[in-house]
Each structure stands twice: as structure tokens, then as C-alpha cells.
């Protein structure tokens, strides 16, 4: 699944976010979550990737993407991932504030600073 939305700006550079979900494994399938910062050199030109990184908190364990249609919610610079643990079936919502290329912050209860 791929979702492109939102807007970022860093100095004179600006663009949009793209979130990619990639299934890995078998039996207990988990997903990897990639965040990309895209920019176009001029209006109407194709986007190029400025930065790409795995969202480690969701990608480095056994979280799966059970329902692709509502797993990713991306608006402006707010990313919400609704995942389920591949073994325990425990649901978890990851709330992430996206920033300049290569920067994000996982939100915890009471923590709203970008």
C-alpha cells in the first residue's frame, strides 16, 4: 500500500510525504513501514525522493497491517498507523508527527511536540 499526502518544508525545499507498507515473512506476516519525503523541482515535474527511512518503531518487530484500507491515515504532517501484533494479535495505534526530511517523532500520551 502507498499513501501520498501532507506537506513538508525545510528552508527553500518543500514537498509531500509518502508512506509505503511492505509485507515480509510468511505464516506470521509483518509489515515494514517506509516514510519518504518527496519534492518536485518545478510544478508539473515528477517527484524525486529527498529522503527515505524505515519507521523503526513499527518496522523492527512483528507488527502486521491487517486491513490495508484503514491501516494508514496521513494528513498534513500527522501519520497514524493501525497495526496488530503478528503473534499476540494485540492492536496498537502508532501516532507519528512527520517533520523535515529524515525527521519524525513518535507520539506518546501527553507528548505533542513535533
PDB file of N, CA and C in Angstrom:
ATOM      1  N   UNK A   1       0.849  -1.178   0.000  1.00  0.00           N
ATOM      2  CA  UNK A   1       0.000   0.000   0.000  1.00  0.00           C
ATOM      3  C   UNK A   1       0.885   1.227   0.000  1.00  0.00           C
ATOM      4  N   UNK A   2       0.425   2.244  -0.681  1.00  0.00           N
ATOM      5  CA  UNK A   2       1.151   3.517  -0.759  1.00  0.00           C
ATOM      6  C   UNK A   2       0.156   4.642  -0.533  1.00  0.00           C
ATOM      7  N   UNK A   3       0.516   5.568   0.364  1.00  0.00           N
ATOM      8  CA  UNK A   3      -0.308   6.746   0.616  1.00  0.00           C
ATOM      9  C   UNK A   3       0.597   7.964   0.477  1.00  0.00           C
ATOM     10  N   UNK A   4       0.181   8.920  -0.350  1.00  0.00           N
ATOM     11  CA  UNK A   4       0.926  10.162  -0.529  1.00  0.00           C
ATOM     12  C   UNK A   4       0.017  11.311  -0.121  1.00  0.00           C
ATOM     13  N   UNK A   5       0.488  12.141   0.811  1.00  0.00           N
ATOM     14  CA  UNK A   5      -0.325  13.260   1.297  1.00  0.00           C
ATOM     15  C   UNK A   5       0.554  14.173   2.140  1.00  0.00           C
ATOM     16  N   UNK A   6      -0.052  15.215   2.649  1.00  0.00           N
ATOM     17  CA  UNK A   6       0.638  16.116   3.560  1.00  0.00           C
ATOM     18  C   UNK A   6       1.593  17.050   2.844  1.00  0.00           C
ATOM     19  N   UNK A   7       2.324  17.799   3.635  1.00  0.00           N
ATOM     20  CA  UNK A   7       3.257  18.783   3.088  1.00  0.00           C
ATOM     21  C   UNK A   7       4.374  19.022   4.095  1.00  0.00           C
ATOM     22  N   UNK A   8       5.600  19.101   3.602  1.00  0.00           N
ATOM     23  CA  UNK A   8       6.737  19.448   4.450  1.00  0.00           C
ATOM     24  C   UNK A   8       7.500  20.596   3.810  1.00  0.00           C
ATOM     25  N   UNK A   9       8.233  21.336   4.648  1.00  0.00           N
ATOM     26  CA  UNK A   9       9.090  22.406   4.158  1.00  0.00           C
ATOM     27  C   UNK A   9      10.315  22.483   5.054  1.00  0.00           C
ATOM     28  N   UNK A  10      11.455  22.646   4.426  1.00  0.00           N
ATOM     29  CA  UNK A  10      12.719  22.777   5.144  1.00  0.00           C
ATOM     30  C   UNK A  10      13.566  23.788   4.380  1.00  0.00           C
ATOM     31  N   UNK A  11      13.680  24.990   4.911  1.00  0.00           N
ATOM     32  CA  UNK A  11      14.379  26.050   4.182  1.00  0.00           C
ATOM     33  C   UNK A  11      13.616  26.367   2.896  1.00  0.00           C
ATOM     34  N   UNK A  12      14.315  26.365   1.774  1.00  0.00           N
ATOM     35  CA  UNK A  12      13.691  26.634   0.482  1.00  0.00           C
ATOM     36  C   UNK A  12      13.083  25.382  -0.154  1.00  0.00           C
ATOM     37  N   UNK A  13      13.378  24.234   0.405  1.00  0.00           N
ATOM     38  CA  UNK A  13      12.907  22.968  -0.158  1.00  0.00           C
ATOM     39  C   UNK A  13      11.560  22.592   0.456  1.00  0.00           C
ATOM     40  N   UNK A  14      10.671  22.036  -0.363  1.00  0.00           N
ATOM     41  CA  UNK A  14       9.372  21.602   0.134  1.00  0.00           C
ATOM     42  C   UNK A  14       8.871  20.436  -0.695  1.00  0.00           C
ATOM     43  N   UNK A  15       7.862  19.756  -0.159  1.00  0.00           N
ATOM     44  CA  UNK A  15       7.319  18.617  -0.887  1.00  0.00           C
ATOM     45  C   UNK A  15       6.207  17.941  -0.107  1.00  0.00           C
ATOM     46  N   UNK A  16       5.997  16.661  -0.413  1.00  0.00           N
ATOM     47  CA  UNK A  16       4.935  15.867   0.206  1.00  0.00           C
ATOM     48  C   UNK A  16       5.533  14.622   0.840  1.00  0.00           C
ATOM     49  N   UNK A  17       4.735  13.985   1.690  1.00  0.00           N
ATOM     50  CA  UNK A  17       5.129  12.726   2.328  1.00  0.00           C
ATOM     51  C   UNK A  17       4.519  11.562   1.556  1.00  0.00           C
ATOM     52  N   UNK A  18       5.221  10.441   1.558  1.00  0.00           N
ATOM     53  CA  UNK A  18       4.676   9.193   1.041  1.00  0.00           C
ATOM     54  C   UNK A  18       4.980   8.103   2.064  1.00  0.00           C
ATOM     55  N   UNK A  19       3.977   7.296   2.377  1.00  0.00           N
ATOM     56  CA  UNK A  19       4.147   6.171   3.298  1.00  0.00           C
ATOM     57  C   UNK A  19       3.916   4.894   2.507  1.00  0.00           C
ATOM     58  N   UNK A  20       4.872   3.965   2.612  1.00  0.00           N
ATOM     59  CA  UNK A  20       4.787   2.674   1.927  1.00  0.00           C
ATOM     60  C   UNK A  20       4.752   1.559   2.956  1.00  0.00           C
ATOM     61  N   UNK A  21       3.857   0.612   2.744  1.00  0.00           N
ATOM     62  CA  UNK A  21       3.792  -0.579   3.587  1.00  0.00           C
ATOM     63  C   UNK A  21       4.254  -1.766   2.760  1.00  0.00           C
ATOM     64  N   UNK A  22       5.114  -2.573   3.337  1.00  0.00           N
ATOM     65  CA  UNK A  22       5.684  -3.731   2.641  1.00  0.00           C
ATOM     66  C   UNK A  22       5.530  -4.956   3.529  1.00  0.00           C
ATOM     67  N   UNK A  23       4.803  -5.969   3.063  1.00  0.00           N
ATOM     68  CA  UNK A  23       4.662  -7.216   3.827  1.00  0.00           C
ATOM     69  C   UNK A  23       5.929  -8.044   3.707  1.00  0.00           C
ATOM     70  N   UNK A  24       6.343  -8.651   4.819  1.00  0.00           N
ATOM     71  CA  UNK A  24       7.510  -9.536   4.832  1.00  0.00           C
ATOM     72  C   UNK A  24       7.193 -10.784   5.644  1.00  0.00           C
ATOM     73  N   UNK A  25       7.807 -11.875   5.270  1.00  0.00           N
ATOM     74  CA  UNK A  25       7.658 -13.120   6.011  1.00  0.00           C
ATOM     75  C   UNK A  25       6.544 -13.999   5.478  1.00  0.00           C
ATOM     76  N   UNK A  26       6.280 -15.065   6.206  1.00  0.00           N
ATOM     77  CA  UNK A  26       5.197 -15.991   5.897  1.00  0.00           C
ATOM     78  C   UNK A  26       4.676 -16.513   7.223  1.00  0.00           C
ATOM     79  N   UNK A  27       3.567 -17.185   7.238  1.00  0.00           N
ATOM     80  CA  UNK A  27       2.851 -17.622   8.440  1.00  0.00           C
ATOM     81  C   UNK A  27       2.486 -16.432   9.318  1.00  0.00           C
ATOM     82  N   UNK A  28       3.457 -15.803   9.954  1.00  0.00           N
ATOM     83  CA  UNK A  28       3.228 -14.605  10.761  1.00  0.00           C
ATOM     84  C   UNK A  28       3.783 -13.417   9.974  1.00  0.00           C
ATOM     85  N   UNK A  29       2.995 -12.920   9.057  1.00  0.00           N
ATOM     86  CA  UNK A  29       3.441 -11.831   8.184  1.00  0.00           C
ATOM     87  C   UNK A  29       3.460 -10.521   8.962  1.00  0.00           C
ATOM     88  N   UNK A  30       4.553  -9.806   8.832  1.00  0.00           N
ATOM     89  CA  UNK A  30       4.644  -8.483   9.433  1.00  0.00           C
ATOM     90  C   UNK A  30       4.863  -7.471   8.314  1.00  0.00           C
ATOM     91  N   UNK A  31       4.790  -6.214   8.658  1.00  0.00           N
ATOM     92  CA  UNK A  31       4.989  -5.210   7.622  1.00  0.00           C
ATOM     93  C   UNK A  31       6.117  -4.269   8.009  1.00  0.00           C
ATOM     94  N   UNK A  32       6.715  -3.720   6.998  1.00  0.00           N
ATOM     95  CA  UNK A  32       7.720  -2.677   7.163  1.00  0.00           C
ATOM     96  C   UNK A  32       7.062  -1.388   6.712  1.00  0.00           C
ATOM     97  N   UNK A  33       7.300  -0.335   7.459  1.00  0.00           N
ATOM     98  CA  UNK A  33       6.715   0.964   7.150  1.00  0.00           C
ATOM     99  C   UNK A  33       7.848   1.899   6.737  1.00  0.00           C
ATOM    100  N   UNK A  34       7.747   2.413   5.532  1.00  0.00           N
ATOM    101  CA  UNK A  34       8.733   3.340   4.990  1.00  0.00           C
ATOM    102  C   UNK A  34       8.106   4.720   4.866  1.00  0.00           C
ATOM    103  N   UNK A  35       8.823   5.745   5.292  1.00  0.00           N
ATOM    104  CA  UNK A  35       8.386   7.122   5.097  1.00  0.00           C
ATOM    105  C   UNK A  35       9.340   7.743   4.089  1.00  0.00           C
ATOM    106  N   UNK A  36       8.769   8.387   3.080  1.00  0.00           N
ATOM    107  CA  UNK A  36       9.565   9.069   2.062  1.00  0.00           C
ATOM    108  C   UNK A  36       9.194  10.548   2.036  1.00  0.00           C
ATOM    109  N   UNK A  37      10.184  11.393   1.846  1.00  0.00           N
ATOM    110  CA  UNK A  37       9.983  12.814   1.657  1.00  0.00           C
ATOM    111  C   UNK A  37      10.245  13.075   0.184  1.00  0.00           C
ATOM    112  N   UNK A  38       9.220  13.528  -0.526  1.00  0.00           N
ATOM    113  CA  UNK A  38       9.302  13.743  -1.968  1.00  0.00           C
ATOM    114  C   UNK A  38       9.269  15.234  -2.274  1.00  0.00           C
ATOM    115  N   UNK A  39       9.936  15.623  -3.369  1.00  0.00           N
ATOM    116  CA  UNK A  39       9.939  17.009  -3.800  1.00  0.00           C
ATOM    117  C   UNK A  39       9.969  17.048  -5.320  1.00  0.00           C
ATOM    118  N   UNK A  40       9.379  18.077  -5.899  1.00  0.00           N
ATOM    119  CA  UNK A  40       9.429  18.292  -7.346  1.00  0.00           C
ATOM    120  C   UNK A  40      10.270  19.528  -7.613  1.00  0.00           C
ATOM    121  N   UNK A  41      11.104  19.491  -8.656  1.00  0.00           N
ATOM    122  CA  UNK A  41      11.968  20.628  -8.966  1.00  0.00           C
ATOM    123  C   UNK A  41      11.174  21.830  -9.472  1.00  0.00           C
ATOM    124  N   UNK A  42       9.988  21.563 -10.040  1.00  0.00           N
ATOM    125  CA  UNK A  42       9.120  22.632 -10.542  1.00  0.00           C
ATOM    126  C   UNK A  42       7.704  22.080 -10.655  1.00  0.00           C
ATOM    127  N   UNK A  43       6.699  22.950 -10.637  1.00  0.00           N
ATOM    128  CA  UNK A  43       5.319  22.469 -10.797  1.00  0.00           C
ATOM    129  C   UNK A  43       5.170  21.650 -12.089  1.00  0.00           C
ATOM    130  N   UNK A  44       4.486  20.530 -11.968  1.00  0.00           N
ATOM    131  CA  UNK A  44       4.277  19.658 -13.121  1.00  0.00           C
ATOM    132  C   UNK A  44       5.404  18.667 -13.372  1.00  0.00           C
ATOM    133  N   UNK A  45       6.507  18.812 -12.671  1.00  0.00           N
ATOM    134  CA  UNK A  45       7.636  17.878 -12.810  1.00  0.00           C
ATOM    135  C   UNK A  45       7.409  16.687 -11.897  1.00  0.00           C
ATOM    136  N   UNK A  46       7.996  15.528 -12.228  1.00  0.00           N
ATOM    137  CA  UNK A  46       7.829  14.353 -11.354  1.00  0.00           C
ATOM    138  C   UNK A  46       8.530  14.548 -10.005  1.00  0.00           C
ATOM    139  N   UNK A  47       7.967  13.899  -8.999  1.00  0.00           N
ATOM    140  CA  UNK A  47       8.574  13.937  -7.672  1.00  0.00           C
ATOM    141  C   UNK A  47       9.835  13.085  -7.646  1.00  0.00           C
ATOM    142  N   UNK A  48      10.811  13.516  -6.858  1.00  0.00           N
ATOM    143  CA  UNK A  48      12.009  12.730  -6.589  1.00  0.00           C
ATOM    144  C   UNK A  48      12.080  12.520  -5.075  1.00  0.00           C
ATOM    145  N   UNK A  49      12.693  11.426  -4.662  1.00  0.00           N
ATOM    146  CA  UNK A  49      12.832  11.124  -3.243  1.00  0.00           C
ATOM    147  C   UNK A  49      13.995  11.920  -2.667  1.00  0.00           C
ATOM    148  N   UNK A  50      13.689  12.732  -1.665  1.00  0.00           N
ATOM    149  CA  UNK A  50      14.704  13.523  -0.969  1.00  0.00           C
ATOM    150  C   UNK A  50      15.314  12.696   0.159  1.00  0.00           C
ATOM    151  N   UNK A  51      14.464  11.940   0.859  1.00  0.00           N
ATOM    152  CA  UNK A  51      14.893  11.106   1.991  1.00  0.00           C
ATOM    153  C   UNK A  51      13.929   9.937   2.110  1.00  0.00           C
ATOM    154  N   UNK A  52      14.441   8.801   2.556  1.00  0.00           N
ATOM    155  CA  UNK A  52      13.611   7.620   2.784  1.00  0.00           C
ATOM    156  C   UNK A  52      14.169   6.892   3.989  1.00  0.00           C
ATOM    157  N   UNK A  53      13.267   6.542   4.916  1.00  0.00           N
ATOM    158  CA  UNK A  53      13.728   5.752   6.049  1.00  0.00           C
ATOM    159  C   UNK A  53      12.601   4.886   6.577  1.00  0.00           C
ATOM    160  N   UNK A  54      13.001   3.817   7.231  1.00  0.00           N
ATOM    161  CA  UNK A  54      12.020   2.923   7.847  1.00  0.00           C
ATOM    162  C   UNK A  54      11.577   3.528   9.169  1.00  0.00           C
ATOM    163  N   UNK A  55      10.295   3.437   9.443  1.00  0.00           N
ATOM    164  CA  UNK A  55       9.776   3.832  10.743  1.00  0.00           C
ATOM    165  C   UNK A  55      10.104   2.690  11.695  1.00  0.00           C
ATOM    166  N   UNK A  56      11.226   2.815  12.376  1.00  0.00           N
ATOM    167  CA  UNK A  56      11.803   1.718  13.160  1.00  0.00           C
ATOM    168  C   UNK A  56      10.841   1.152  14.199  1.00  0.00           C
ATOM    169  N   UNK A  57      10.091   2.003  14.870  1.00  0.00           N
ATOM    170  CA  UNK A  57       9.208   1.547  15.943  1.00  0.00           C
ATOM    171  C   UNK A  57       8.141   0.571  15.438  1.00  0.00           C
ATOM    172  N   UNK A  58       7.727   0.723  14.200  1.00  0.00           N
ATOM    173  CA  UNK A  58       6.715  -0.167  13.631  1.00  0.00           C
ATOM    174  C   UNK A  58       7.321  -1.267  12.778  1.00  0.00           C
ATOM    175  N   UNK A  59       8.534  -1.065  12.280  1.00  0.00           N
ATOM    176  CA  UNK A  59       9.133  -1.999  11.324  1.00  0.00           C
ATOM    177  C   UNK A  59      10.066  -3.028  11.940  1.00  0.00           C
ATOM    178  N   UNK A  60      10.607  -2.750  13.113  1.00  0.00           N
ATOM    179  CA  UNK A  60      11.630  -3.615  13.692  1.00  0.00           C
ATOM    180  C   UNK A  60      11.088  -4.662  14.659  1.00  0.00           C
ATOM    181  N   UNK A  61       9.812  -4.952  14.576  1.00  0.00           N
ATOM    182  CA  UNK A  61       9.240  -6.020  15.392  1.00  0.00           C
ATOM    183  C   UNK A  61       8.163  -6.704  14.569  1.00  0.00           C
ATOM    184  N   UNK A  62       7.241  -7.349  15.186  1.00  0.00           N
ATOM    185  CA  UNK A  62       6.289  -8.174  14.447  1.00  0.00           C
ATOM    186  C   UNK A  62       4.915  -7.537  14.336  1.00  0.00           C
ATOM    187  N   UNK A  63       4.851  -6.288  13.901  1.00  0.00           N
ATOM    188  CA  UNK A  63       3.581  -5.615  13.677  1.00  0.00           C
ATOM    189  C   UNK A  63       3.108  -5.911  12.269  1.00  0.00           C
ATOM    190  N   UNK A  64       1.838  -6.217  12.121  1.00  0.00           N
ATOM    191  CA  UNK A  64       1.287  -6.504  10.795  1.00  0.00           C
ATOM    192  C   UNK A  64       0.233  -5.464  10.436  1.00  0.00           C
ATOM    193  N   UNK A  65      -0.064  -5.411   9.149  1.00  0.00           N
ATOM    194  CA  UNK A  65      -1.033  -4.465   8.589  1.00  0.00           C
ATOM    195  C   UNK A  65      -2.252  -5.273   8.156  1.00  0.00           C
ATOM    196  N   UNK A  66      -3.194  -5.518   9.063  1.00  0.00           N
ATOM    197  CA  UNK A  66      -4.283  -6.443   8.767  1.00  0.00           C
ATOM    198  C   UNK A  66      -5.305  -5.930   7.766  1.00  0.00           C
ATOM    199  N   UNK A  67      -5.565  -4.646   7.774  1.00  0.00           N
ATOM    200  CA  UNK A  67      -6.587  -4.086   6.899  1.00  0.00           C
ATOM    201  C   UNK A  67      -5.994  -2.891   6.173  1.00  0.00           C
ATOM    202  N   UNK A  68      -5.488  -3.120   4.990  1.00  0.00           N
ATOM    203  CA  UNK A  68      -4.776  -2.068   4.257  1.00  0.00           C
ATOM    204  C   UNK A  68      -5.618  -0.824   4.013  1.00  0.00           C
ATOM    205  N   UNK A  69      -6.935  -0.975   3.929  1.00  0.00           N
ATOM    206  CA  UNK A  69      -7.771   0.180   3.597  1.00  0.00           C
ATOM    207  C   UNK A  69      -7.801   1.226   4.701  1.00  0.00           C
ATOM    208  N   UNK A  70      -7.591   0.837   5.962  1.00  0.00           N
ATOM    209  CA  UNK A  70      -7.593   1.851   7.028  1.00  0.00           C
ATOM    210  C   UNK A  70      -6.367   1.763   7.937  1.00  0.00           C
ATOM    211  N   UNK A  71      -5.313   1.099   7.480  1.00  0.00           N
ATOM    212  CA  UNK A  71      -4.087   0.997   8.271  1.00  0.00           C
ATOM    213  C   UNK A  71      -3.370   2.334   8.366  1.00  0.00           C
ATOM    214  N   UNK A  72      -3.332   3.092   7.277  1.00  0.00           N
ATOM    215  CA  UNK A  72      -2.584   4.344   7.227  1.00  0.00           C
ATOM    216  C   UNK A  72      -3.537   5.524   7.093  1.00  0.00           C
ATOM    217  N   UNK A  73      -3.385   6.478   8.010  1.00  0.00           N
ATOM    218  CA  UNK A  73      -4.083   7.748   7.902  1.00  0.00           C
ATOM    219  C   UNK A  73      -2.993   8.814   7.892  1.00  0.00           C
ATOM    220  N   UNK A  74      -2.907   9.565   6.797  1.00  0.00           N
ATOM    221  CA  UNK A  74      -1.865  10.578   6.639  1.00  0.00           C
ATOM    222  C   UNK A  74      -2.522  11.882   6.243  1.00  0.00           C
ATOM    223  N   UNK A  75      -2.366  12.895   7.095  1.00  0.00           N
ATOM    224  CA  UNK A  75      -2.887  14.220   6.769  1.00  0.00           C
ATOM    225  C   UNK A  75      -1.919  15.260   7.291  1.00  0.00           C
ATOM    226  N   UNK A  76      -1.636  16.230   6.461  1.00  0.00           N
ATOM    227  CA  UNK A  76      -0.657  17.266   6.750  1.00  0.00           C
ATOM    228  C   UNK A  76       0.647  16.601   7.195  1.00  0.00           C
ATOM    229  N   UNK A  77       1.033  16.732   8.457  1.00  0.00           N
ATOM    230  CA  UNK A  77       2.257  16.095   8.937  1.00  0.00           C
ATOM    231  C   UNK A  77       1.965  15.056  10.002  1.00  0.00           C
ATOM    232  N   UNK A  78       0.715  14.619  10.098  1.00  0.00           N
ATOM    233  CA  UNK A  78       0.314  13.632  11.098  1.00  0.00           C
ATOM    234  C   UNK A  78       0.095  12.279  10.438  1.00  0.00           C
ATOM    235  N   UNK A  79       0.769  11.278  10.945  1.00  0.00           N
ATOM    236  CA  UNK A  79       0.660   9.913  10.442  1.00  0.00           C
ATOM    237  C   UNK A  79       0.099   9.039  11.557  1.00  0.00           C
ATOM    238  N   UNK A  80      -0.919   8.268  11.231  1.00  0.00           N
ATOM    239  CA  UNK A  80      -1.469   7.308  12.179  1.00  0.00           C
ATOM    240  C   UNK A  80      -1.455   5.932  11.523  1.00  0.00           C
ATOM    241  N   UNK A  81      -0.884   4.953  12.225  1.00  0.00           N
ATOM    242  CA  UNK A  81      -0.814   3.573  11.748  1.00  0.00           C
ATOM    243  C   UNK A  81      -1.590   2.682  12.706  1.00  0.00           C
ATOM    244  N   UNK A  82      -2.517   1.906  12.174  1.00  0.00           N
ATOM    245  CA  UNK A  82      -3.289   0.969  12.986  1.00  0.00           C
ATOM    246  C   UNK A  82      -2.770  -0.434  12.673  1.00  0.00           C
ATOM    247  N   UNK A  83      -1.955  -0.958  13.576  1.00  0.00           N
ATOM    248  CA  UNK A  83      -1.293  -2.238  13.359  1.00  0.00           C
ATOM    249  C   UNK A  83      -1.740  -3.261  14.392  1.00  0.00           C
ATOM    250  N   UNK A  84      -1.424  -4.516  14.119  1.00  0.00           N
ATOM    251  CA  UNK A  84      -1.746  -5.625  15.014  1.00  0.00           C
ATOM    252  C   UNK A  84      -0.494  -6.478  15.152  1.00  0.00           C
ATOM    253  N   UNK A  85      -0.175  -6.910  16.382  1.00  0.00           N
ATOM    254  CA  UNK A  85       0.999  -7.757  16.583  1.00  0.00           C
ATOM    255  C   UNK A  85       0.757  -9.123  15.934  1.00  0.00           C
ATOM    256  N   UNK A  86       1.700  -9.577  15.138  1.00  0.00           N
ATOM    257  CA  UNK A  86       1.529 -10.805  14.355  1.00  0.00           C
ATOM    258  C   UNK A  86       1.374 -12.055  15.214  1.00  0.00           C
ATOM    259  N   UNK A  87       1.885 -12.067  16.434  1.00  0.00           N
ATOM    260  CA  UNK A  87       1.784 -13.252  17.295  1.00  0.00           C
ATOM    261  C   UNK A  87       0.668 -13.132  18.332  1.00  0.00           C
ATOM    262  N   UNK A  88       0.640 -12.011  19.055  1.00  0.00           N
ATOM    263  CA  UNK A  88      -0.334 -11.865  20.145  1.00  0.00           C
ATOM    264  C   UNK A  88      -1.682 -11.318  19.669  1.00  0.00           C
ATOM    265  N   UNK A  89      -1.724 -10.765  18.456  1.00  0.00           N
ATOM    266  CA  UNK A  89      -2.910 -10.126  17.880  1.00  0.00           C
ATOM    267  C   UNK A  89      -3.332  -8.864  18.642  1.00  0.00           C
ATOM    268  N   UNK A  90      -2.419  -8.343  19.458  1.00  0.00           N
ATOM    269  CA  UNK A  90      -2.664  -7.095  20.184  1.00  0.00           C
ATOM    270  C   UNK A  90      -2.706  -5.927  19.201  1.00  0.00           C
ATOM    271  N   UNK A  91      -3.783  -5.125  19.212  1.00  0.00           N
ATOM    272  CA  UNK A  91      -3.818  -3.956  18.335  1.00  0.00           C
ATOM    273  C   UNK A  91      -3.002  -2.810  18.930  1.00  0.00           C
ATOM    274  N   UNK A  92      -2.449  -1.980  18.061  1.00  0.00           N
ATOM    275  CA  UNK A  92      -1.713  -0.807  18.524  1.00  0.00           C
ATOM    276  C   UNK A  92      -1.834   0.291  17.479  1.00  0.00           C
ATOM    277  N   UNK A  93      -2.005   1.497  17.964  1.00  0.00           N
ATOM    278  CA  UNK A  93      -2.043   2.658  17.091  1.00  0.00           C
ATOM    279  C   UNK A  93      -0.749   3.440  17.304  1.00  0.00           C
ATOM    280  N   UNK A  94      -0.021   3.654  16.219  1.00  0.00           N
ATOM    281  CA  UNK A  94       1.190   4.470  16.246  1.00  0.00           C
ATOM    282  C   UNK A  94       0.819   5.847  15.720  1.00  0.00           C
ATOM    283  N   UNK A  95       1.018   6.892  16.523  1.00  0.00           N
ATOM    284  CA  UNK A  95       0.800   8.274  16.095  1.00  0.00           C
ATOM    285  C   UNK A  95       2.163   8.925  15.931  1.00  0.00           C
ATOM    286  N   UNK A  96       2.396   9.465  14.753  1.00  0.00           N
ATOM    287  CA  UNK A  96       3.707   9.991  14.404  1.00  0.00           C
ATOM    288  C   UNK A  96       3.556  11.397  13.834  1.00  0.00           C
ATOM    289  N   UNK A  97       4.410  12.314  14.287  1.00  0.00           N
ATOM    290  CA  UNK A  97       4.482  13.649  13.701  1.00  0.00           C
ATOM    291  C   UNK A  97       5.684  13.643  12.760  1.00  0.00           C
ATOM    292  N   UNK A  98       5.422  13.936  11.494  1.00  0.00           N
ATOM    293  CA  UNK A  98       6.481  13.983  10.492  1.00  0.00           C
ATOM    294  C   UNK A  98       7.014  15.400  10.383  1.00  0.00           C
ATOM    295  N   UNK A  99       8.301  15.527  10.128  1.00  0.00           N
ATOM    296  CA  UNK A  99       8.924  16.845  10.025  1.00  0.00           C
ATOM    297  C   UNK A  99       9.712  16.985   8.742  1.00  0.00           C
ATOM    298  N   UNK A 100      10.827  17.697   8.828  1.00  0.00           N
ATOM    299  CA  UNK A 100      11.728  17.895   7.696  1.00  0.00           C
ATOM    300  C   UNK A 100      12.287  16.543   7.257  1.00  0.00           C
ATOM    301  N   UNK A 101      12.859  16.471   6.077  1.00  0.00           N
ATOM    302  CA  UNK A 101      13.373  15.186   5.587  1.00  0.00           C
ATOM    303  C   UNK A 101      14.222  14.435   6.614  1.00  0.00           C
ATOM    304  N   UNK A 102      13.838  13.165   6.832  1.00  0.00           N
ATOM    305  CA  UNK A 102      14.560  12.301   7.754  1.00  0.00           C
ATOM    306  C   UNK A 102      14.185  12.467   9.209  1.00  0.00           C
ATOM    307  N   UNK A 103      13.186  13.306   9.498  1.00  0.00           N
ATOM    308  CA  UNK A 103      12.822  13.579  10.896  1.00  0.00           C
ATOM    309  C   UNK A 103      11.372  13.216  11.155  1.00  0.00           C
ATOM    310  N   UNK A 104      11.172  12.522  12.263  1.00  0.00           N
ATOM    311  CA  UNK A 104       9.822  12.218  12.735  1.00  0.00           C
ATOM    312  C   UNK A 104       9.886  12.015  14.232  1.00  0.00           C
ATOM    313  N   UNK A 105       8.719  12.087  14.871  1.00  0.00           N
ATOM    314  CA  UNK A 105       8.657  11.839  16.310  1.00  0.00           C
ATOM    315  C   UNK A 105       7.428  11.000  16.607  1.00  0.00           C
ATOM    316  N   UNK A 106       7.654   9.864  17.254  1.00  0.00           N
ATOM    317  CA  UNK A 106       6.565   9.014  17.704  1.00  0.00           C
ATOM    318  C   UNK A 106       5.916   9.683  18.904  1.00  0.00           C
ATOM    319  N   UNK A 107       4.612   9.826  18.867  1.00  0.00           N
ATOM    320  CA  UNK A 107       3.890  10.482  19.949  1.00  0.00           C
ATOM    321  C   UNK A 107       3.526   9.477  21.023  1.00  0.00           C
ATOM    322  N   UNK A 108       3.678   9.896  22.264  1.00  0.00           N
ATOM    323  CA  UNK A 108       3.211   9.121  23.395  1.00  0.00           C
ATOM    324  C   UNK A 108       2.158   9.953  24.087  1.00  0.00           C
ATOM    325  N   UNK A 109       1.378   9.354  24.931  1.00  0.00           N
ATOM    326  CA  UNK A 109       0.307  10.084  25.605  1.00  0.00           C
ATOM    327  C   UNK A 109       0.882  11.294  26.334  1.00  0.00           C
ATOM    328  N   UNK A 110       0.307  12.472  26.068  1.00  0.00           N
ATOM    329  CA  UNK A 110       0.775  13.701  26.714  1.00  0.00           C
ATOM    330  C   UNK A 110       1.915  14.360  25.982  1.00  0.00           C
ATOM    331  N   UNK A 111       2.460  13.746  24.928  1.00  0.00           N
ATOM    332  CA  UNK A 111       3.585  14.315  24.187  1.00  0.00           C
ATOM    333  C   UNK A 111       3.080  14.762  22.825  1.00  0.00           C
ATOM    334  N   UNK A 112       3.021  16.073  22.601  1.00  0.00           N
ATOM    335  CA  UNK A 112       2.508  16.581  21.332  1.00  0.00           C
ATOM    336  C   UNK A 112       3.499  17.451  20.596  1.00  0.00           C
ATOM    337  N   UNK A 113       4.708  17.599  21.089  1.00  0.00           N
ATOM    338  CA  UNK A 113       5.696  18.447  20.423  1.00  0.00           C
ATOM    339  C   UNK A 113       6.228  17.756  19.165  1.00  0.00           C
ATOM    340  N   UNK A 114       6.395  18.490  18.043  1.00  0.00           N
ATOM    341  CA  UNK A 114       6.952  17.884  16.820  1.00  0.00           C
ATOM    342  C   UNK A 114       8.453  17.666  16.913  1.00  0.00           C
TER     343      UNK A 114
END
